């Protein structure tokens, strides 16, 4: 809604009409909504996936011609009336693109996919909110707070303010978060539970790289994420300050669907980057798995290959299950 309002403001709209797909139940609701629009007005339809299928044809007609054909009466006496709809801009929201009615999609000239805040980003936002409201967060508290806010920064701030009132102090520890969440009736999954679930496949590519970097930090590495281009396939550089096994390690991370296996050609490119860097080892991590040829190549040249099951084992080992 905030993005829609900002978009309307940029185009100088003096008002924005709003409706929910689930609330448009009768033809009168549908016809009235579009009949009342003023020229250059913005219309936001939230959760368009719930719009009844019987209205799709009418909406397509409006989007393509700014007209709506209304049938008045029934049977032989029925007649059609064409209603002119004032030129307007429509914004529709849907949780996932695959849920958007495909018959309507071509009526929208711009499709934006907005990714939710990652847990890492929400932890950073929690730290900033703490400074804003003059609260001190002890180490680990900012990692637990995002679990109770449903991905919303606004809800996160509300939760933090309620938490301060509940514990009666401005210094929040990890234990305060756990106790406060319990008192407020907020259930939050541990980081390990979140990462072990199918949510791994819901992460963006960048968030998956951040998750791997965070896991490596827990394992004792000092990590650095590379830039998005010009890195030769290297996503994370990790240094280990230990005798014998210490040194510089290079990681490539691919958040792929379970049936999208990593092949040998991708490993050859990665191995070339590892060799050029003269790193101790190259490690390839994916949420899918590797082809037989890829595993044979990795074993031959000394690359370490970590698929989904091995990754989940590492998460269970290095990320505490207690929230």
Protein backbone atom coordinates (compact mmCIF):
# COMPACT_ATOMS: atom_id res chain seq x y z
CA UNK A 1 0.00 0.00 0.00
CA UNK A 2 2.84 2.41 0.80
CA UNK A 3 4.46 1.73 -2.57
CA UNK A 4 1.14 2.28 -4.37
CA UNK A 5 0.63 5.58 -2.53
CA UNK A 6 4.17 6.71 -3.36
CA UNK A 7 3.67 5.75 -7.01
CA UNK A 8 0.41 7.71 -7.16
CA UNK A 9 2.07 10.69 -5.52
CA UNK A 10 4.86 10.72 -8.11
CA UNK A 11 2.22 11.07 -10.84
CA UNK A 12 0.39 13.84 -9.03
CA UNK A 13 -2.78 11.89 -8.25
CA UNK A 14 -4.97 13.76 -5.80
CA UNK A 15 -6.57 10.59 -4.43
CA UNK A 16 -6.42 6.82 -4.60
CA UNK A 17 -9.42 4.52 -4.49
CA UNK A 18 -8.96 1.13 -2.83
CA UNK A 19 -10.73 -2.20 -2.89
CA UNK A 20 -10.05 -5.81 -1.90
CA UNK A 21 -10.57 -8.61 -4.39
CA UNK A 22 -12.40 -10.66 -1.77
CA UNK A 23 -14.91 -7.86 -1.08
CA UNK A 24 -16.08 -7.46 -4.70
CA UNK A 25 -18.90 -10.00 -4.54
CA UNK A 26 -21.77 -8.70 -6.68
CA UNK A 27 -21.97 -7.13 -10.16
CA UNK A 28 -23.13 -3.94 -8.47
CA UNK A 29 -19.89 -3.83 -6.42
CA UNK A 30 -17.81 -4.26 -9.56
CA UNK A 31 -19.73 -1.79 -11.74
CA UNK A 32 -19.92 0.80 -8.98
CA UNK A 33 -16.20 0.62 -8.28
CA UNK A 34 -15.20 1.48 -11.84
CA UNK A 35 -18.16 3.77 -12.54
CA UNK A 36 -17.15 6.13 -9.74
CA UNK A 37 -13.53 6.59 -10.83
CA UNK A 38 -12.43 10.07 -11.78
CA UNK A 39 -10.04 10.86 -14.60
CA UNK A 40 -6.36 10.18 -13.74
CA UNK A 41 -7.36 8.63 -10.41
CA UNK A 42 -5.40 5.66 -9.07
CA UNK A 43 -7.14 2.45 -8.07
CA UNK A 44 -5.48 -0.09 -5.78
CA UNK A 45 -7.00 -3.59 -5.78
CA UNK A 46 -5.44 -5.63 -3.02
CA UNK A 47 -5.26 -9.44 -3.25
CA UNK A 48 -6.53 -9.55 -6.81
CA UNK A 49 -6.17 -13.36 -6.76
CA UNK A 50 -9.46 -13.41 -4.81
CA UNK A 51 -11.39 -11.48 -7.47
CA UNK A 52 -14.24 -13.70 -8.69
CA UNK A 53 -13.67 -15.22 -12.12
CA UNK A 54 -16.98 -13.86 -13.41
CA UNK A 55 -15.48 -10.35 -13.27
CA UNK A 56 -12.30 -11.14 -15.19
CA UNK A 57 -13.84 -10.53 -18.63
CA UNK A 58 -15.17 -7.15 -17.56
CA UNK A 59 -11.86 -6.10 -16.06
CA UNK A 60 -9.99 -7.12 -19.22
CA UNK A 61 -12.37 -4.97 -21.24
CA UNK A 62 -11.78 -1.99 -18.95
CA UNK A 63 -8.01 -2.37 -18.97
CA UNK A 64 -7.82 -2.60 -22.76
CA UNK A 65 -10.50 -0.13 -23.85
CA UNK A 66 -11.70 1.91 -20.84
CA UNK A 67 -15.17 0.57 -21.48
CA UNK A 68 -17.41 -1.88 -19.64
CA UNK A 69 -20.33 -3.69 -21.25
CA UNK A 70 -23.19 -4.06 -18.77
CA UNK A 71 -26.09 -6.41 -19.45
CA UNK A 72 -29.39 -4.98 -18.23
CA UNK A 73 -32.27 -7.38 -17.72
CA UNK A 74 -32.56 -11.07 -18.52
CA UNK A 75 -33.77 -13.29 -21.31
CA UNK A 76 -34.97 -11.94 -24.66
CA UNK A 77 -35.54 -8.49 -23.14
CA UNK A 78 -31.94 -8.15 -21.99
CA UNK A 79 -29.91 -5.38 -23.59
CA UNK A 80 -26.31 -4.32 -23.40
CA UNK A 81 -25.15 -0.92 -22.28
CA UNK A 82 -21.57 0.25 -22.80
CA UNK A 83 -20.29 2.31 -19.88
CA UNK A 84 -17.35 4.61 -20.48
CA UNK A 85 -14.74 4.42 -17.73
CA UNK A 86 -12.60 7.48 -17.08
CA UNK A 87 -8.88 6.97 -17.85
CA UNK A 88 -7.26 5.76 -14.64
CA UNK A 89 -4.23 3.86 -13.37
CA UNK A 90 -4.76 0.51 -11.70
CA UNK A 91 -2.37 -1.12 -9.26
CA UNK A 92 -3.05 -4.70 -8.17
CA UNK A 93 -1.28 -6.72 -5.51
CA UNK A 94 -0.84 -10.48 -5.16
CA UNK A 95 1.35 -12.47 -2.73
CA UNK A 96 2.99 -14.47 -5.52
CA UNK A 97 3.11 -13.92 -9.27
CA UNK A 98 1.96 -17.49 -9.91
CA UNK A 99 -1.30 -16.71 -8.06
CA UNK A 100 -2.08 -13.70 -10.27
CA UNK A 101 -4.96 -14.43 -12.72
CA UNK A 102 -3.08 -15.15 -15.95
CA UNK A 103 -5.99 -13.85 -18.06
CA UNK A 104 -5.50 -10.38 -16.54
CA UNK A 105 -1.74 -10.12 -16.48
CA UNK A 106 -1.35 -8.75 -20.02
CA UNK A 107 -3.49 -5.76 -19.03
CA UNK A 108 -0.73 -4.48 -16.75
CA UNK A 109 2.18 -2.74 -18.47
CA UNK A 110 4.50 -3.07 -15.47
CA UNK A 111 5.01 -6.09 -13.21
CA UNK A 112 7.17 -5.66 -10.12
CA UNK A 113 8.27 -8.59 -7.97
CA UNK A 114 8.90 -7.37 -4.42
CA UNK A 115 10.88 -9.66 -2.16
CA UNK A 116 10.17 -9.72 1.58
CA UNK A 117 12.79 -8.55 4.03
CA UNK A 118 15.23 -11.28 4.93
CA UNK A 119 15.89 -12.17 8.55
CA UNK A 120 19.34 -10.60 8.22
CA UNK A 121 17.86 -7.34 6.93
CA UNK A 122 15.26 -7.30 9.70
CA UNK A 123 18.04 -7.78 12.26
CA UNK A 124 19.78 -4.70 10.85
CA UNK A 125 16.48 -2.80 10.90
CA UNK A 126 15.98 -3.81 14.55
CA UNK A 127 19.36 -2.26 15.38
CA UNK A 128 18.37 0.99 13.67
CA UNK A 129 14.99 1.07 15.39
CA UNK A 130 16.76 0.55 18.72
CA UNK A 131 18.84 3.67 18.11
CA UNK A 132 15.73 5.59 17.10
CA UNK A 133 13.79 4.73 20.27
CA UNK A 134 16.86 4.94 22.53
CA UNK A 135 17.08 1.23 23.29
CA UNK A 136 20.24 -0.85 23.76
CA UNK A 137 20.27 -4.35 22.23
CA UNK A 138 22.63 -6.92 23.70
CA UNK A 139 24.37 -9.30 21.23
CA UNK A 140 21.92 -11.87 19.84
CA UNK A 141 18.76 -9.94 20.72
CA UNK A 142 18.51 -8.39 17.26
CA UNK A 143 18.71 -11.89 15.71
CA UNK A 144 15.68 -13.08 17.71
CA UNK A 145 13.45 -10.02 17.30
CA UNK A 146 12.63 -10.53 13.57
CA UNK A 147 11.00 -13.87 14.37
CA UNK A 148 8.01 -12.13 15.97
CA UNK A 149 7.24 -9.39 13.43
CA UNK A 150 5.86 -11.30 10.40
CA UNK A 151 8.42 -9.63 8.15
CA UNK A 152 7.09 -6.09 8.74
CA UNK A 153 9.46 -3.31 9.95
CA UNK A 154 6.46 -1.41 11.31
CA UNK A 155 5.36 -4.44 13.31
CA UNK A 156 8.96 -4.93 14.43
CA UNK A 157 9.06 -1.43 15.95
CA UNK A 158 5.70 -1.99 17.64
CA UNK A 159 6.94 -5.27 19.13
CA UNK A 160 10.13 -3.62 20.39
CA UNK A 161 8.19 -0.82 22.10
CA UNK A 162 5.82 -3.33 23.71
CA UNK A 163 8.80 -5.40 24.79
CA UNK A 164 10.42 -2.40 26.50
CA UNK A 165 7.19 -1.71 28.40
CA UNK A 166 6.88 -5.38 29.35
CA UNK A 167 10.39 -5.80 30.78
CA UNK A 168 10.50 -2.27 32.20
CA UNK A 169 13.95 -1.34 30.92
CA UNK A 170 15.69 -0.01 27.81
CA UNK A 171 18.45 -2.63 27.70
CA UNK A 172 17.21 -5.73 25.89
CA UNK A 173 19.03 -9.07 26.12
CA UNK A 174 18.34 -12.31 24.25
CA UNK A 175 16.73 -13.72 27.38
CA UNK A 176 14.52 -10.61 27.61
CA UNK A 177 13.30 -11.25 24.07
CA UNK A 178 12.45 -14.88 24.86
CA UNK A 179 10.70 -13.96 28.14
CA UNK A 180 8.95 -10.97 26.61
CA UNK A 181 7.72 -12.94 23.60
CA UNK A 182 6.34 -15.58 25.93
CA UNK A 183 4.55 -12.93 28.01
CA UNK A 184 3.12 -11.30 24.87
CA UNK A 185 2.00 -14.64 23.44
CA UNK A 186 4.34 -14.44 20.46
CA UNK A 187 5.58 -17.75 19.11
CA UNK A 188 8.83 -17.59 17.19
CA UNK A 189 10.72 -20.36 15.46
CA UNK A 190 14.44 -20.68 16.03
CA UNK A 191 16.79 -19.58 13.28
CA UNK A 192 17.74 -23.21 12.75
CA UNK A 193 14.12 -24.24 12.24
CA UNK A 194 13.61 -21.44 9.72
CA UNK A 195 16.70 -22.33 7.75
CA UNK A 196 16.02 -26.08 7.79
CA UNK A 197 12.56 -25.66 6.34
CA UNK A 198 11.56 -25.28 2.71
CA UNK A 199 12.04 -21.54 3.27
CA UNK A 200 15.59 -22.13 2.03
CA UNK A 201 14.08 -22.38 -1.45
CA UNK A 202 12.04 -19.22 -0.85
CA UNK A 203 15.15 -17.13 -0.17
CA UNK A 204 16.43 -14.84 -2.89
CA UNK A 205 19.87 -15.62 -4.30
CA UNK A 206 21.42 -12.76 -2.30
CA UNK A 207 19.69 -13.80 0.93
CA UNK A 208 20.91 -17.35 0.44
CA UNK A 209 24.48 -16.04 0.14
CA UNK A 210 23.96 -13.99 3.33
CA UNK A 211 22.67 -17.09 5.10
CA UNK A 212 25.75 -19.08 4.06
CA UNK A 213 28.03 -16.25 5.20
CA UNK A 214 26.25 -16.20 8.57
CA UNK A 215 26.67 -19.97 8.90
CA UNK A 216 30.39 -19.66 8.13
CA UNK A 217 30.72 -16.96 10.78
CA UNK A 218 29.30 -19.44 13.30
CA UNK A 219 31.90 -21.96 12.16
CA UNK A 220 34.75 -19.59 12.97
CA UNK A 221 35.41 -18.04 9.55
CA UNK A 222 35.80 -14.36 8.86
CA UNK A 223 33.58 -13.82 5.83
CA UNK A 224 33.26 -11.25 3.08
CA UNK A 225 30.56 -11.23 0.40
CA UNK A 226 31.76 -10.32 -3.08
CA UNK A 227 30.17 -7.82 -5.44
CA UNK A 228 27.40 -9.02 -7.71
CA UNK A 229 29.55 -8.96 -10.83
CA UNK A 230 33.13 -9.54 -11.82
CA UNK A 231 33.75 -12.09 -9.08
CA UNK A 232 34.45 -15.10 -11.31
CA UNK A 233 31.59 -17.02 -9.73
CA UNK A 234 32.82 -16.40 -6.17
CA UNK A 235 30.01 -15.36 -3.81
CA UNK A 236 31.71 -15.53 -0.40
CA UNK A 237 35.37 -15.23 0.60
CA UNK A 238 36.10 -16.76 4.01
CA UNK A 239 39.35 -16.72 5.98
CA UNK A 240 40.07 -19.23 8.74
CA UNK A 241 42.73 -18.31 11.29
CA UNK A 242 43.79 -21.79 12.40
CA UNK A 243 46.93 -23.87 12.20
CA UNK A 244 47.21 -26.44 9.37
CA UNK A 245 43.65 -26.00 8.03
CA UNK A 246 43.66 -22.19 8.07
CA UNK A 247 43.74 -19.92 5.06
CA UNK A 248 41.55 -18.44 2.37
CA UNK A 249 38.45 -20.36 1.20
CA UNK A 250 36.20 -19.45 -1.72
CA UNK A 251 32.50 -20.27 -1.84
CA UNK A 252 29.92 -20.30 -4.59
CA UNK A 253 26.27 -20.47 -3.53
CA UNK A 254 23.32 -21.47 -5.70
CA UNK A 255 19.75 -21.41 -4.41
CA UNK A 256 18.26 -23.88 -6.91
CA UNK A 257 15.10 -25.98 -6.93
CA UNK A 258 15.60 -29.58 -5.78
CA UNK A 259 15.36 -30.97 -9.31
CA UNK A 260 17.78 -28.42 -10.83
CA UNK A 261 21.09 -30.20 -10.37
CA UNK A 262 24.49 -28.51 -10.61
CA UNK A 263 26.42 -29.77 -13.63
CA UNK A 264 30.11 -30.19 -14.35
CA UNK A 265 30.42 -27.09 -16.61
CA UNK A 266 29.49 -24.77 -13.74
CA UNK A 267 32.04 -26.49 -11.49
CA UNK A 268 34.76 -26.11 -14.14
CA UNK A 269 34.20 -22.34 -14.20
CA UNK A 270 34.27 -22.23 -10.41
CA UNK A 271 37.45 -24.30 -10.27
CA UNK A 272 39.11 -21.88 -12.70
CA UNK A 273 38.35 -18.98 -10.36
CA UNK A 274 39.61 -20.92 -7.32
CA UNK A 275 42.85 -21.86 -9.11
CA UNK A 276 43.47 -18.29 -10.26
CA UNK A 277 42.98 -17.05 -6.69
CA UNK A 278 45.31 -19.73 -5.22
CA UNK A 279 42.85 -20.32 -2.40
CA UNK A 280 43.16 -23.22 0.06
CA UNK A 281 39.91 -24.73 -1.14
CA UNK A 282 36.82 -24.03 -3.19
CA UNK A 283 33.44 -25.01 -1.74
CA UNK A 284 30.24 -25.13 -3.78
CA UNK A 285 26.98 -24.98 -1.77
CA UNK A 286 23.51 -25.49 -3.21
CA UNK A 287 19.94 -26.16 -2.12
CA UNK A 288 19.71 -28.87 -4.80
CA UNK A 289 22.40 -31.48 -5.58
CA UNK A 290 25.06 -32.36 -8.16
CA UNK A 291 25.09 -34.57 -11.24
CA UNK A 292 27.28 -37.69 -11.26
CA UNK A 293 29.67 -35.99 -13.69
CA UNK A 294 29.88 -32.93 -11.44
CA UNK A 295 30.73 -35.02 -8.38
CA UNK A 296 33.37 -36.92 -10.32
CA UNK A 297 34.94 -33.66 -11.47
CA UNK A 298 34.80 -32.14 -7.97
CA UNK A 299 36.50 -35.17 -6.43
CA UNK A 300 39.20 -35.16 -9.12
CA UNK A 301 40.19 -31.49 -8.65
CA UNK A 302 39.58 -31.20 -4.90
CA UNK A 303 36.42 -29.07 -4.77
CA UNK A 304 34.10 -29.66 -1.82
CA UNK A 305 30.47 -30.06 -2.84
CA UNK A 306 27.67 -29.47 -0.34
CA UNK A 307 24.08 -30.27 -1.30
CA UNK A 308 20.83 -29.60 0.55
CA UNK A 309 21.04 -32.45 3.08
CA UNK A 310 24.64 -31.67 4.04
CA UNK A 311 23.76 -27.99 4.35
CA UNK A 312 20.88 -28.78 6.71
CA UNK A 313 23.23 -30.93 8.82
CA UNK A 314 25.64 -27.99 9.13
CA UNK A 315 22.78 -25.71 10.13
CA UNK A 316 21.66 -28.13 12.84
CA UNK A 317 25.24 -28.41 14.12
CA UNK A 318 26.24 -24.77 14.20
CA UNK A 319 22.98 -22.87 14.74
CA UNK A 320 21.41 -23.54 18.15
CA UNK A 321 17.90 -24.97 18.02
CA UNK A 322 16.90 -23.14 21.18
CA UNK A 323 15.30 -19.82 20.33
